[in-house]
Amino acid sequence: MKKTIVTAARVAAAGIAGLSCTALIGTGAAEAAPQDCVVDRDLFGASAICFPDGGSDYVLRVECVGLYASGPFPLYAIGPYYTLSYPFTPSGDRITTGCTGAGPGIFAVTTGAHVEVFRG
């Protein structure tokens, strides 16, 4: 039993190290779908600045991979998921959304980010 737990911990640590390396390689600016938006991505989240373009109700979608809450506490899962910012109208202000902070013990890295039209 102890050997199985140690093996599982080693596999998890190797996976997180690989995800961190992938996220470091993939950081930087990304293109956004609505016009006049600039998206800056970092290891644990992203931010966007969208200038007025006549559109409204945009969201910043941040794609993540890692440990996340998959249901009521204490249910967790490991894998890809996404987070959305609150809907916003472009005004030139910075909008920020992260992969962490969605519950206790969440650890995930950013794999992608873009601005899209909110269809709620």
N, C-alpha and C. Protein backbone atom coordinates (compact mmCIF):
# COMPACT_ATOMS: atom_id res chain seq x y z
N MET A 1 0.83 -1.19 0.00
CA MET A 1 0.00 0.00 0.00
C MET A 1 0.87 1.25 0.00
N LYS A 2 1.89 1.26 0.89
CA LYS A 2 2.77 2.42 0.98
C LYS A 2 3.52 2.63 -0.34
N LYS A 3 3.92 1.54 -0.97
CA LYS A 3 4.64 1.62 -2.24
C LYS A 3 3.74 2.23 -3.33
N THR A 4 2.46 1.89 -3.33
CA THR A 4 1.51 2.44 -4.30
C THR A 4 1.33 3.94 -4.11
N ILE A 5 1.24 4.38 -2.86
CA ILE A 5 1.08 5.81 -2.58
C ILE A 5 2.32 6.59 -3.00
N VAL A 6 3.50 6.04 -2.72
CA VAL A 6 4.75 6.70 -3.11
C VAL A 6 4.84 6.80 -4.63
N THR A 7 4.48 5.73 -5.33
CA THR A 7 4.49 5.74 -6.80
C THR A 7 3.51 6.77 -7.35
N ALA A 8 2.32 6.83 -6.80
CA ALA A 8 1.33 7.80 -7.24
C ALA A 8 1.81 9.23 -7.01
N ALA A 9 2.46 9.47 -5.87
CA ALA A 9 2.99 10.81 -5.57
C ALA A 9 4.09 11.19 -6.56
N ARG A 10 4.93 10.26 -6.93
CA ARG A 10 6.00 10.53 -7.90
C ARG A 10 5.42 10.84 -9.28
N VAL A 11 4.41 10.10 -9.69
CA VAL A 11 3.77 10.35 -10.98
C VAL A 11 3.11 11.72 -10.99
N ALA A 12 2.44 12.08 -9.90
CA ALA A 12 1.79 13.38 -9.81
C ALA A 12 2.82 14.50 -9.85
N ALA A 13 3.94 14.34 -9.13
CA ALA A 13 4.99 15.37 -9.12
C ALA A 13 5.60 15.53 -10.51
N ALA A 14 5.83 14.43 -11.20
CA ALA A 14 6.39 14.51 -12.55
C ALA A 14 5.41 15.19 -13.50
N GLY A 15 4.13 14.89 -13.34
CA GLY A 15 3.11 15.53 -14.19
C GLY A 15 3.04 17.03 -13.96
N ILE A 16 3.08 17.46 -12.70
CA ILE A 16 3.03 18.89 -12.39
C ILE A 16 4.28 19.58 -12.91
N ALA A 17 5.44 18.94 -12.78
CA ALA A 17 6.68 19.53 -13.31
C ALA A 17 6.58 19.68 -14.83
N GLY A 18 6.04 18.69 -15.50
CA GLY A 18 5.86 18.79 -16.96
C GLY A 18 4.89 19.88 -17.35
N LEU A 19 3.79 20.03 -16.59
CA LEU A 19 2.83 21.10 -16.86
C LEU A 19 3.46 22.47 -16.67
N SER A 20 4.28 22.61 -15.63
CA SER A 20 4.94 23.89 -15.38
C SER A 20 5.86 24.25 -16.52
N CYS A 21 6.59 23.27 -17.02
CA CYS A 21 7.50 23.52 -18.13
C CYS A 21 6.73 23.92 -19.37
N THR A 22 5.63 23.25 -19.65
CA THR A 22 4.80 23.58 -20.80
C THR A 22 4.24 24.99 -20.67
N ALA A 23 3.80 25.35 -19.48
CA ALA A 23 3.22 26.67 -19.27
C ALA A 23 4.27 27.76 -19.43
N LEU A 24 5.50 27.52 -18.98
CA LEU A 24 6.55 28.52 -19.13
C LEU A 24 6.87 28.75 -20.60
N ILE A 25 6.86 27.71 -21.38
CA ILE A 25 7.14 27.84 -22.81
C ILE A 25 6.01 28.58 -23.50
N GLY A 26 4.76 28.39 -23.03
CA GLY A 26 3.59 28.97 -23.70
C GLY A 26 3.16 30.33 -23.21
N THR A 27 3.92 30.98 -22.31
CA THR A 27 3.49 32.28 -21.82
C THR A 27 3.75 33.35 -22.86
N GLY A 28 3.00 34.45 -22.78
CA GLY A 28 3.20 35.58 -23.68
C GLY A 28 1.88 36.14 -24.14
N ALA A 29 1.94 37.06 -25.08
CA ALA A 29 0.74 37.71 -25.58
C ALA A 29 0.01 36.78 -26.55
N ALA A 30 -1.30 36.84 -26.54
CA ALA A 30 -2.12 36.03 -27.44
C ALA A 30 -3.08 36.94 -28.19
N GLU A 31 -3.50 36.53 -29.34
CA GLU A 31 -4.46 37.30 -30.11
C GLU A 31 -5.86 37.08 -29.56
N ALA A 32 -6.69 38.09 -29.61
CA ALA A 32 -8.06 38.00 -29.12
C ALA A 32 -9.03 38.07 -30.29
N ALA A 33 -10.19 37.44 -30.15
CA ALA A 33 -11.19 37.39 -31.22
C ALA A 33 -11.83 38.76 -31.48
N PRO A 34 -12.44 39.44 -30.47
CA PRO A 34 -12.99 40.76 -30.75
C PRO A 34 -11.88 41.74 -31.12
N GLN A 35 -12.21 42.72 -31.92
CA GLN A 35 -11.21 43.69 -32.37
C GLN A 35 -10.72 44.53 -31.21
N ASP A 36 -9.53 45.07 -31.35
CA ASP A 36 -8.94 46.01 -30.41
C ASP A 36 -8.78 45.45 -29.00
N CYS A 37 -8.45 44.17 -28.88
CA CYS A 37 -8.18 43.57 -27.57
C CYS A 37 -6.75 43.04 -27.55
N VAL A 38 -6.09 43.23 -26.42
CA VAL A 38 -4.76 42.68 -26.20
C VAL A 38 -4.84 41.78 -24.99
N VAL A 39 -4.41 40.52 -25.14
CA VAL A 39 -4.46 39.54 -24.06
C VAL A 39 -3.03 39.22 -23.63
N ASP A 40 -2.76 39.35 -22.36
CA ASP A 40 -1.46 38.99 -21.78
C ASP A 40 -1.68 37.80 -20.87
N ARG A 41 -0.91 36.75 -21.12
CA ARG A 41 -1.05 35.51 -20.36
C ARG A 41 0.19 35.30 -19.52
N ASP A 42 0.02 34.78 -18.30
CA ASP A 42 1.16 34.40 -17.47
C ASP A 42 0.95 32.97 -16.99
N LEU A 43 1.76 32.53 -16.04
CA LEU A 43 1.74 31.14 -15.62
C LEU A 43 0.42 30.72 -14.96
N PHE A 44 -0.22 31.63 -14.20
CA PHE A 44 -1.41 31.26 -13.45
C PHE A 44 -2.67 32.00 -13.85
N GLY A 45 -2.68 32.76 -14.93
CA GLY A 45 -3.88 33.50 -15.33
C GLY A 45 -3.61 34.36 -16.55
N ALA A 46 -4.53 35.29 -16.79
CA ALA A 46 -4.39 36.18 -17.95
C ALA A 46 -5.15 37.46 -17.68
N SER A 47 -4.81 38.48 -18.45
CA SER A 47 -5.54 39.75 -18.39
C SER A 47 -5.74 40.24 -19.81
N ALA A 48 -6.77 41.06 -19.97
CA ALA A 48 -7.08 41.60 -21.30
C ALA A 48 -7.44 43.07 -21.17
N ILE A 49 -7.05 43.83 -22.18
CA ILE A 49 -7.46 45.22 -22.30
C ILE A 49 -8.16 45.32 -23.65
N CYS A 50 -9.43 45.70 -23.63
CA CYS A 50 -10.21 45.85 -24.86
C CYS A 50 -10.67 47.31 -24.97
N PHE A 51 -10.37 47.90 -26.09
CA PHE A 51 -10.76 49.28 -26.31
C PHE A 51 -12.15 49.33 -26.93
N PRO A 52 -12.90 50.39 -26.69
CA PRO A 52 -14.28 50.47 -27.20
C PRO A 52 -14.32 50.21 -28.71
N ASP A 53 -15.19 49.28 -29.11
CA ASP A 53 -15.32 48.95 -30.53
C ASP A 53 -16.78 48.81 -30.95
N GLY A 54 -17.70 49.29 -30.11
CA GLY A 54 -19.12 49.18 -30.43
C GLY A 54 -19.75 47.88 -29.98
N GLY A 55 -18.93 46.93 -29.50
CA GLY A 55 -19.45 45.65 -29.02
C GLY A 55 -19.71 45.70 -27.54
N SER A 56 -20.36 44.68 -27.04
CA SER A 56 -20.60 44.59 -25.60
C SER A 56 -20.67 43.13 -25.19
N ASP A 57 -20.64 42.92 -23.89
CA ASP A 57 -20.75 41.59 -23.31
C ASP A 57 -19.68 40.63 -23.83
N TYR A 58 -18.43 40.98 -23.52
CA TYR A 58 -17.30 40.10 -23.80
C TYR A 58 -16.91 39.42 -22.50
N VAL A 59 -16.20 38.29 -22.58
CA VAL A 59 -15.61 37.64 -21.43
C VAL A 59 -14.19 37.23 -21.78
N LEU A 60 -13.34 37.19 -20.77
CA LEU A 60 -11.99 36.67 -20.91
C LEU A 60 -12.05 35.20 -20.51
N ARG A 61 -11.71 34.32 -21.43
CA ARG A 61 -11.72 32.87 -21.17
C ARG A 61 -10.27 32.43 -20.99
N VAL A 62 -9.99 31.85 -19.83
CA VAL A 62 -8.65 31.35 -19.52
C VAL A 62 -8.72 29.84 -19.43
N GLU A 63 -7.93 29.17 -20.25
CA GLU A 63 -7.88 27.71 -20.26
C GLU A 63 -6.76 27.25 -19.34
N CYS A 64 -7.08 26.30 -18.48
CA CYS A 64 -6.16 25.86 -17.43
C CYS A 64 -6.03 24.34 -17.45
N VAL A 65 -4.97 23.85 -16.82
CA VAL A 65 -4.82 22.42 -16.60
C VAL A 65 -4.17 22.23 -15.23
N GLY A 66 -4.71 21.30 -14.46
CA GLY A 66 -4.18 21.03 -13.12
C GLY A 66 -5.25 20.51 -12.20
N LEU A 67 -5.06 20.73 -10.91
CA LEU A 67 -5.99 20.29 -9.88
C LEU A 67 -7.10 21.33 -9.73
N TYR A 68 -8.35 20.90 -9.80
CA TYR A 68 -9.48 21.83 -9.68
C TYR A 68 -10.64 21.18 -8.94
N ALA A 69 -11.52 22.01 -8.41
CA ALA A 69 -12.71 21.52 -7.71
C ALA A 69 -13.72 21.06 -8.76
N SER A 70 -14.12 19.78 -8.68
CA SER A 70 -15.03 19.23 -9.68
C SER A 70 -16.45 19.08 -9.16
N GLY A 71 -16.69 19.55 -7.97
CA GLY A 71 -18.01 19.44 -7.35
C GLY A 71 -17.94 20.04 -5.97
N PRO A 72 -18.90 19.69 -5.12
CA PRO A 72 -18.86 20.23 -3.76
C PRO A 72 -17.61 19.72 -3.02
N PHE A 73 -17.08 20.55 -2.13
CA PHE A 73 -15.90 20.18 -1.37
C PHE A 73 -16.14 18.85 -0.67
N PRO A 74 -15.32 17.91 -0.70
CA PRO A 74 -13.91 17.85 -1.08
C PRO A 74 -13.65 17.14 -2.41
N LEU A 75 -14.50 17.26 -3.41
CA LEU A 75 -14.31 16.58 -4.68
C LEU A 75 -13.36 17.37 -5.59
N TYR A 76 -12.27 16.74 -5.98
CA TYR A 76 -11.27 17.35 -6.85
C TYR A 76 -11.02 16.45 -8.05
N ALA A 77 -10.49 17.04 -9.12
CA ALA A 77 -10.09 16.28 -10.31
C ALA A 77 -8.82 16.91 -10.86
N ILE A 78 -8.13 16.18 -11.70
CA ILE A 78 -6.93 16.70 -12.37
C ILE A 78 -7.19 16.64 -13.87
N GLY A 79 -6.95 17.75 -14.55
CA GLY A 79 -7.14 17.80 -15.99
C GLY A 79 -7.40 19.20 -16.47
N PRO A 80 -7.88 19.33 -17.71
CA PRO A 80 -8.14 20.66 -18.27
C PRO A 80 -9.50 21.20 -17.83
N TYR A 81 -9.58 22.51 -17.70
CA TYR A 81 -10.83 23.22 -17.42
C TYR A 81 -10.64 24.67 -17.83
N TYR A 82 -11.68 25.47 -17.73
CA TYR A 82 -11.54 26.88 -18.07
C TYR A 82 -12.26 27.74 -17.04
N THR A 83 -11.85 28.99 -16.96
CA THR A 83 -12.52 29.98 -16.12
C THR A 83 -12.90 31.17 -17.00
N LEU A 84 -13.97 31.85 -16.61
CA LEU A 84 -14.43 33.03 -17.34
C LEU A 84 -14.45 34.24 -16.42
N SER A 85 -14.13 35.40 -17.00
CA SER A 85 -14.28 36.64 -16.25
C SER A 85 -15.75 37.01 -16.22
N TYR A 86 -16.08 38.04 -15.48
CA TYR A 86 -17.43 38.58 -15.55
C TYR A 86 -17.63 39.21 -16.91
N PRO A 87 -18.84 39.20 -17.47
CA PRO A 87 -19.09 39.87 -18.76
C PRO A 87 -18.75 41.36 -18.62
N PHE A 88 -18.15 41.91 -19.67
CA PHE A 88 -17.76 43.31 -19.64
C PHE A 88 -17.97 43.96 -20.99
N THR A 89 -18.12 45.28 -20.97
CA THR A 89 -18.19 46.09 -22.18
C THR A 89 -16.82 46.73 -22.35
N PRO A 90 -16.19 46.64 -23.53
CA PRO A 90 -14.86 47.19 -23.73
C PRO A 90 -14.79 48.68 -23.38
N SER A 91 -13.84 49.04 -22.50
CA SER A 91 -13.70 50.43 -22.09
C SER A 91 -12.25 50.85 -21.96
N GLY A 92 -11.32 49.96 -22.24
CA GLY A 92 -9.91 50.26 -22.09
C GLY A 92 -9.37 49.88 -20.72
N ASP A 93 -10.22 49.34 -19.84
CA ASP A 93 -9.79 48.89 -18.52
C ASP A 93 -9.29 47.44 -18.60
N ARG A 94 -8.38 47.09 -17.69
CA ARG A 94 -7.82 45.73 -17.64
C ARG A 94 -8.80 44.80 -16.93
N ILE A 95 -9.06 43.64 -17.54
CA ILE A 95 -9.87 42.57 -16.97
C ILE A 95 -8.92 41.41 -16.68
N THR A 96 -9.02 40.81 -15.50
CA THR A 96 -8.10 39.75 -15.11
C THR A 96 -8.88 38.53 -14.62
N THR A 97 -8.40 37.35 -14.99
CA THR A 97 -8.96 36.08 -14.54
C THR A 97 -7.81 35.10 -14.35
N GLY A 98 -7.90 34.27 -13.31
CA GLY A 98 -6.83 33.33 -13.02
C GLY A 98 -7.30 31.90 -12.93
N CYS A 99 -6.34 30.98 -12.98
CA CYS A 99 -6.62 29.56 -12.85
C CYS A 99 -6.74 29.15 -11.39
N THR A 100 -6.10 29.89 -10.50
CA THR A 100 -6.14 29.57 -9.08
C THR A 100 -7.17 30.46 -8.40
N GLY A 101 -7.49 30.15 -7.17
CA GLY A 101 -8.43 30.96 -6.42
C GLY A 101 -9.87 30.50 -6.52
N ALA A 102 -10.11 29.37 -7.17
CA ALA A 102 -11.47 28.86 -7.31
C ALA A 102 -11.81 27.85 -6.23
N GLY A 103 -11.08 27.88 -5.13
CA GLY A 103 -11.34 26.97 -4.03
C GLY A 103 -10.05 26.64 -3.30
N PRO A 104 -10.15 25.98 -2.15
CA PRO A 104 -8.95 25.66 -1.38
C PRO A 104 -8.12 24.57 -2.05
N GLY A 105 -6.82 24.77 -2.11
CA GLY A 105 -5.91 23.76 -2.64
C GLY A 105 -5.86 23.65 -4.15
N ILE A 106 -6.43 24.60 -4.87
CA ILE A 106 -6.43 24.54 -6.33
C ILE A 106 -5.03 24.90 -6.84
N PHE A 107 -4.48 24.08 -7.73
CA PHE A 107 -3.20 24.38 -8.35
C PHE A 107 -3.31 24.04 -9.82
N ALA A 108 -3.20 25.06 -10.67
CA ALA A 108 -3.30 24.85 -12.11
C ALA A 108 -2.49 25.91 -12.83
N VAL A 109 -2.15 25.63 -14.07
CA VAL A 109 -1.40 26.58 -14.89
C VAL A 109 -2.21 26.93 -16.13
N THR A 110 -1.92 28.09 -16.68
CA THR A 110 -2.62 28.59 -17.86
C THR A 110 -2.07 27.94 -19.12
N THR A 111 -2.96 27.46 -19.98
CA THR A 111 -2.55 26.90 -21.26
C THR A 111 -3.02 27.74 -22.44
N GLY A 112 -3.98 28.63 -22.22
CA GLY A 112 -4.48 29.49 -23.29
C GLY A 112 -5.39 30.56 -22.73
N ALA A 113 -5.57 31.63 -23.51
CA ALA A 113 -6.47 32.71 -23.09
C ALA A 113 -6.90 33.49 -24.31
N HIS A 114 -8.17 33.89 -24.32
CA HIS A 114 -8.68 34.75 -25.39
C HIS A 114 -9.96 35.43 -24.93
N VAL A 115 -10.32 36.48 -25.65
CA VAL A 115 -11.57 37.20 -25.37
C VAL A 115 -12.60 36.71 -26.36
N GLU A 116 -13.81 36.46 -25.88
CA GLU A 116 -14.88 36.01 -26.77
C GLU A 116 -16.17 36.71 -26.41
N VAL A 117 -17.12 36.66 -27.31
CA VAL A 117 -18.43 37.24 -27.07
C VAL A 117 -19.17 36.37 -26.06
N PHE A 118 -19.75 37.01 -25.04
CA PHE A 118 -20.47 36.27 -24.01
C PHE A 118 -21.86 35.92 -24.50
N ARG A 119 -22.18 34.66 -24.42
CA ARG A 119 -23.51 34.19 -24.80
C ARG A 119 -24.12 33.51 -23.59
N GLY A 120 -24.69 34.32 -22.69
CA GLY A 120 -25.19 33.79 -21.42
C GLY A 120 -26.62 33.63 -21.44
